[in-house]
């Protein structure tokens, strides 16, 4: 990788290199300004690095779930519409969903506990349900690389448990799953932890090597 990103005078990433294994959940940790969101943006392909590159197998698809705070509160879509957007990469924005796509939306809605609110406006559900809907959209994409920014921030314990279980299931499907987090419970449920400090890798290890607490 060797990823370096400059934002004006700020060195957001400084020669970051790491291996992100398939079939595992990697938690990306570090303080505010450490470079977590910048690294996710680069991995997602929405931000070009100043130098370095992302190496991944040809044909690898990517799904990126942003922080809940990045999604407008008054977005005029239903929960079901939100999940269906996960199929846009494969179908295009204006093509109708096929029976298989509808089945996938239904499956992911069930996994995230959203079946009963699919027809409800996204703006009308609770914060926890909105977060579940955004994560479910990422699952519906069936991507080889799933990136999630702060999936459990500001949600209740029940939503946290459901979301972390869904990410683990996605990794078990064979996907590379990477999420940025400040939450200890999310770190504990991850298979690997990649720590950033001031845009540099300060640690890359399995959770088995982390201290308790």
Protein backbone atom coordinates (compact mmCIF):
# COMPACT_ATOMS: atom_id res chain seq x y z
CA UNK A 1 0.00 0.00 0.00
CA UNK A 2 2.29 2.79 1.25
CA UNK A 3 -0.66 5.17 1.26
CA UNK A 4 0.04 8.85 1.79
CA UNK A 5 -2.66 11.53 1.67
CA UNK A 6 -2.12 15.26 2.00
CA UNK A 7 -5.06 17.57 2.63
CA UNK A 8 -3.51 20.96 2.05
CA UNK A 9 -0.80 21.30 4.70
CA UNK A 10 -2.17 18.35 6.70
CA UNK A 11 -0.58 14.92 6.28
CA UNK A 12 -3.68 12.78 6.84
CA UNK A 13 -2.02 9.45 6.02
CA UNK A 14 1.71 8.87 6.15
CA UNK A 15 2.89 5.72 4.37
CA UNK A 16 0.12 3.44 5.64
CA UNK A 17 0.59 -0.22 4.72
CA UNK A 18 -1.53 -3.09 6.00
CA UNK A 19 -2.97 -6.40 4.92
CA UNK A 20 -6.76 -6.66 5.23
CA UNK A 21 -7.68 -10.36 5.20
CA UNK A 22 -10.79 -11.80 3.61
CA UNK A 23 -13.14 -13.67 5.92
CA UNK A 24 -12.30 -11.42 8.86
CA UNK A 25 -13.50 -8.22 10.51
CA UNK A 26 -10.79 -5.59 10.92
CA UNK A 27 -11.45 -2.78 13.40
CA UNK A 28 -9.74 0.48 12.51
CA UNK A 29 -9.02 2.44 15.69
CA UNK A 30 -7.30 5.65 16.73
CA UNK A 31 -8.15 9.06 18.11
CA UNK A 32 -9.93 11.84 16.27
CA UNK A 33 -7.75 13.00 13.39
CA UNK A 34 -5.76 9.74 13.31
CA UNK A 35 -6.74 9.13 9.68
CA UNK A 36 -9.41 6.46 10.01
CA UNK A 37 -12.05 8.06 7.80
CA UNK A 38 -9.39 9.13 5.29
CA UNK A 39 -8.18 5.54 5.00
CA UNK A 40 -11.74 4.32 4.47
CA UNK A 41 -12.24 6.96 1.76
CA UNK A 42 -9.10 5.78 -0.03
CA UNK A 43 -10.04 2.11 0.27
CA UNK A 44 -13.50 2.94 -1.10
CA UNK A 45 -12.01 4.77 -4.07
CA UNK A 46 -13.68 8.09 -3.29
CA UNK A 47 -10.35 9.74 -2.46
CA UNK A 48 -7.16 9.41 -4.48
CA UNK A 49 -3.99 9.00 -2.42
CA UNK A 50 -1.18 11.48 -2.91
CA UNK A 51 1.09 8.46 -3.28
CA UNK A 52 0.87 4.71 -2.83
CA UNK A 53 -1.87 2.40 -4.05
CA UNK A 54 -4.55 -0.03 -2.93
CA UNK A 55 -3.87 -3.59 -4.12
CA UNK A 56 -6.85 -5.89 -4.32
CA UNK A 57 -7.90 -8.80 -6.56
CA UNK A 58 -9.30 -7.79 -9.94
CA UNK A 59 -13.06 -7.54 -9.92
CA UNK A 60 -13.36 -6.89 -6.19
CA UNK A 61 -16.52 -4.88 -5.52
CA UNK A 62 -16.77 -2.31 -2.74
CA UNK A 63 -19.61 -1.17 -0.48
CA UNK A 64 -19.10 1.87 1.75
CA UNK A 65 -21.40 2.71 4.66
CA UNK A 66 -20.73 6.28 5.90
CA UNK A 67 -21.33 7.57 9.40
CA UNK A 68 -25.02 8.00 10.22
CA UNK A 69 -24.40 11.71 10.81
CA UNK A 70 -23.36 12.06 7.14
CA UNK A 71 -26.85 11.08 5.94
CA UNK A 72 -29.42 13.94 5.93
CA UNK A 73 -32.18 13.54 8.50
CA UNK A 74 -34.84 14.51 5.96
CA UNK A 75 -33.75 12.22 3.12
CA UNK A 76 -37.08 11.48 1.30
CA UNK A 77 -36.79 7.69 1.08
CA UNK A 78 -38.22 4.75 2.97
CA UNK A 79 -36.21 2.19 4.87
CA UNK A 80 -36.90 -0.26 2.03
CA UNK A 81 -35.66 2.25 -0.55
CA UNK A 82 -32.49 2.67 1.49
CA UNK A 83 -31.77 -1.05 1.43
CA UNK A 84 -32.59 -1.32 -2.28
CA UNK A 85 -29.93 1.30 -3.06
CA UNK A 86 -27.43 -1.41 -2.22
CA UNK A 87 -28.25 -3.04 -5.57
CA UNK A 88 -27.57 0.10 -7.64
CA UNK A 89 -23.93 -0.78 -8.29
CA UNK A 90 -24.96 -3.99 -10.02
CA UNK A 91 -28.25 -2.91 -11.61
CA UNK A 92 -27.85 0.79 -12.19
CA UNK A 93 -30.00 3.43 -10.51
CA UNK A 94 -33.02 3.24 -12.78
CA UNK A 95 -33.45 -0.49 -13.40
CA UNK A 96 -36.17 -2.33 -11.51
CA UNK A 97 -35.15 -4.83 -8.88
CA UNK A 98 -35.40 -8.47 -9.88
CA UNK A 99 -37.00 -11.14 -7.75
CA UNK A 100 -33.56 -12.15 -6.49
CA UNK A 101 -32.84 -8.56 -5.48
CA UNK A 102 -36.12 -8.27 -3.58
CA UNK A 103 -35.30 -11.54 -1.81
CA UNK A 104 -31.88 -10.21 -0.81
CA UNK A 105 -33.40 -6.99 0.53
CA UNK A 106 -35.89 -9.04 2.55
CA UNK A 107 -33.15 -11.29 3.89
CA UNK A 108 -30.96 -8.39 5.02
CA UNK A 109 -33.94 -6.56 6.51
CA UNK A 110 -34.70 -9.66 8.57
CA UNK A 111 -31.09 -9.97 9.71
CA UNK A 112 -31.09 -6.35 10.92
CA UNK A 113 -34.59 -6.44 12.45
CA UNK A 114 -36.11 -4.05 9.90
CA UNK A 115 -38.83 -6.14 8.26
CA UNK A 116 -41.64 -4.28 10.02
CA UNK A 117 -40.44 -0.80 9.01
CA UNK A 118 -39.49 -1.25 5.33
CA UNK A 119 -42.34 1.03 4.24
CA UNK A 120 -41.62 3.73 6.84
CA UNK A 121 -39.74 6.91 5.84
CA UNK A 122 -36.11 6.76 6.93
CA UNK A 123 -36.61 10.12 8.63
CA UNK A 124 -39.40 8.69 10.81
CA UNK A 125 -37.56 5.74 12.38
CA UNK A 126 -35.31 5.79 15.42
CA UNK A 127 -31.60 6.52 15.26
CA UNK A 128 -30.82 2.88 15.90
CA UNK A 129 -33.11 1.76 13.08
CA UNK A 130 -31.51 4.28 10.71
CA UNK A 131 -28.09 2.88 11.54
CA UNK A 132 -29.34 -0.66 10.95
CA UNK A 133 -30.77 0.43 7.60
CA UNK A 134 -27.46 1.92 6.47
CA UNK A 135 -25.55 -1.22 7.45
CA UNK A 136 -28.20 -3.39 5.77
CA UNK A 137 -27.71 -1.37 2.57
CA UNK A 138 -24.05 -2.35 2.67
CA UNK A 139 -24.98 -6.01 3.13
CA UNK A 140 -27.43 -5.89 0.23
CA UNK A 141 -24.56 -4.85 -2.06
CA UNK A 142 -22.93 -8.28 -1.53
CA UNK A 143 -19.52 -6.68 -2.06
CA UNK A 144 -16.15 -8.29 -1.68
CA UNK A 145 -14.98 -5.35 0.45
CA UNK A 146 -17.35 -3.83 3.01
CA UNK A 147 -16.25 -0.58 4.64
CA UNK A 148 -18.23 0.93 7.53
CA UNK A 149 -17.51 4.19 9.33
CA UNK A 150 -18.47 4.11 13.04
CA UNK A 151 -21.24 1.48 12.75
CA UNK A 152 -22.07 1.42 16.48
CA UNK A 153 -21.59 5.06 17.46
CA UNK A 154 -24.49 6.51 19.42
CA UNK A 155 -26.75 3.46 19.24
CA UNK A 156 -28.32 1.33 21.96
CA UNK A 157 -26.89 -1.99 23.11
CA UNK A 158 -29.43 -4.02 21.12
CA UNK A 159 -28.59 -2.25 17.86
CA UNK A 160 -24.88 -2.56 18.60
CA UNK A 161 -25.20 -6.33 19.03
CA UNK A 162 -27.27 -6.76 15.86
CA UNK A 163 -24.90 -4.66 13.75
CA UNK A 164 -21.74 -6.38 14.99
CA UNK A 165 -23.29 -9.80 14.41
CA UNK A 166 -24.19 -8.79 10.86
CA UNK A 167 -20.63 -7.65 10.15
CA UNK A 168 -19.28 -10.94 11.49
CA UNK A 169 -21.70 -12.86 9.26
CA UNK A 170 -20.58 -10.84 6.25
CA UNK A 171 -16.97 -11.74 6.98
CA UNK A 172 -17.98 -15.39 7.36
CA UNK A 173 -19.38 -15.13 3.82
CA UNK A 174 -15.81 -14.42 2.71
CA UNK A 175 -15.85 -10.62 2.48
CA UNK A 176 -13.14 -8.26 3.68
CA UNK A 177 -14.88 -6.22 6.39
CA UNK A 178 -13.27 -3.05 7.76
CA UNK A 179 -14.91 -0.64 10.18
CA UNK A 180 -13.66 2.44 11.98
CA UNK A 181 -14.69 2.57 15.61
CA UNK A 182 -14.16 4.12 19.03
CA UNK A 183 -16.25 1.46 20.78
CA UNK A 184 -14.54 -1.19 22.91
CA UNK A 185 -17.32 -3.72 22.26
CA UNK A 186 -16.78 -3.34 18.50
CA UNK A 187 -13.04 -3.85 18.92
CA UNK A 188 -13.62 -6.95 21.04
CA UNK A 189 -15.84 -8.49 18.35
CA UNK A 190 -13.30 -7.85 15.57
CA UNK A 191 -10.80 -10.45 14.36
CA UNK A 192 -8.03 -7.93 13.77
CA UNK A 193 -7.28 -4.42 14.99
CA UNK A 194 -5.40 -1.82 12.95
CA UNK A 195 -4.37 1.21 15.02
CA UNK A 196 -3.60 4.59 13.47
CA UNK A 197 -1.81 7.42 15.24
CA UNK A 198 -1.29 10.71 13.39
CA UNK A 199 -1.80 9.02 10.04
CA UNK A 200 0.62 6.17 10.67
CA UNK A 201 0.09 2.51 11.53
CA UNK A 202 0.85 2.05 15.22
CA UNK A 203 -0.28 -1.56 15.50
CA UNK A 204 -1.77 -4.43 13.48
CA UNK A 205 -2.79 -7.42 15.55
CA UNK A 206 -5.48 -9.94 16.35
CA UNK A 207 -7.89 -9.22 19.17
CA UNK A 208 -6.49 -12.21 21.02
CA UNK A 209 -3.36 -10.13 21.69
CA UNK A 210 -5.22 -7.13 23.14
CA UNK A 211 -5.41 -6.47 26.89
CA UNK A 212 -8.79 -6.81 28.57
CA UNK A 213 -10.72 -3.78 29.79
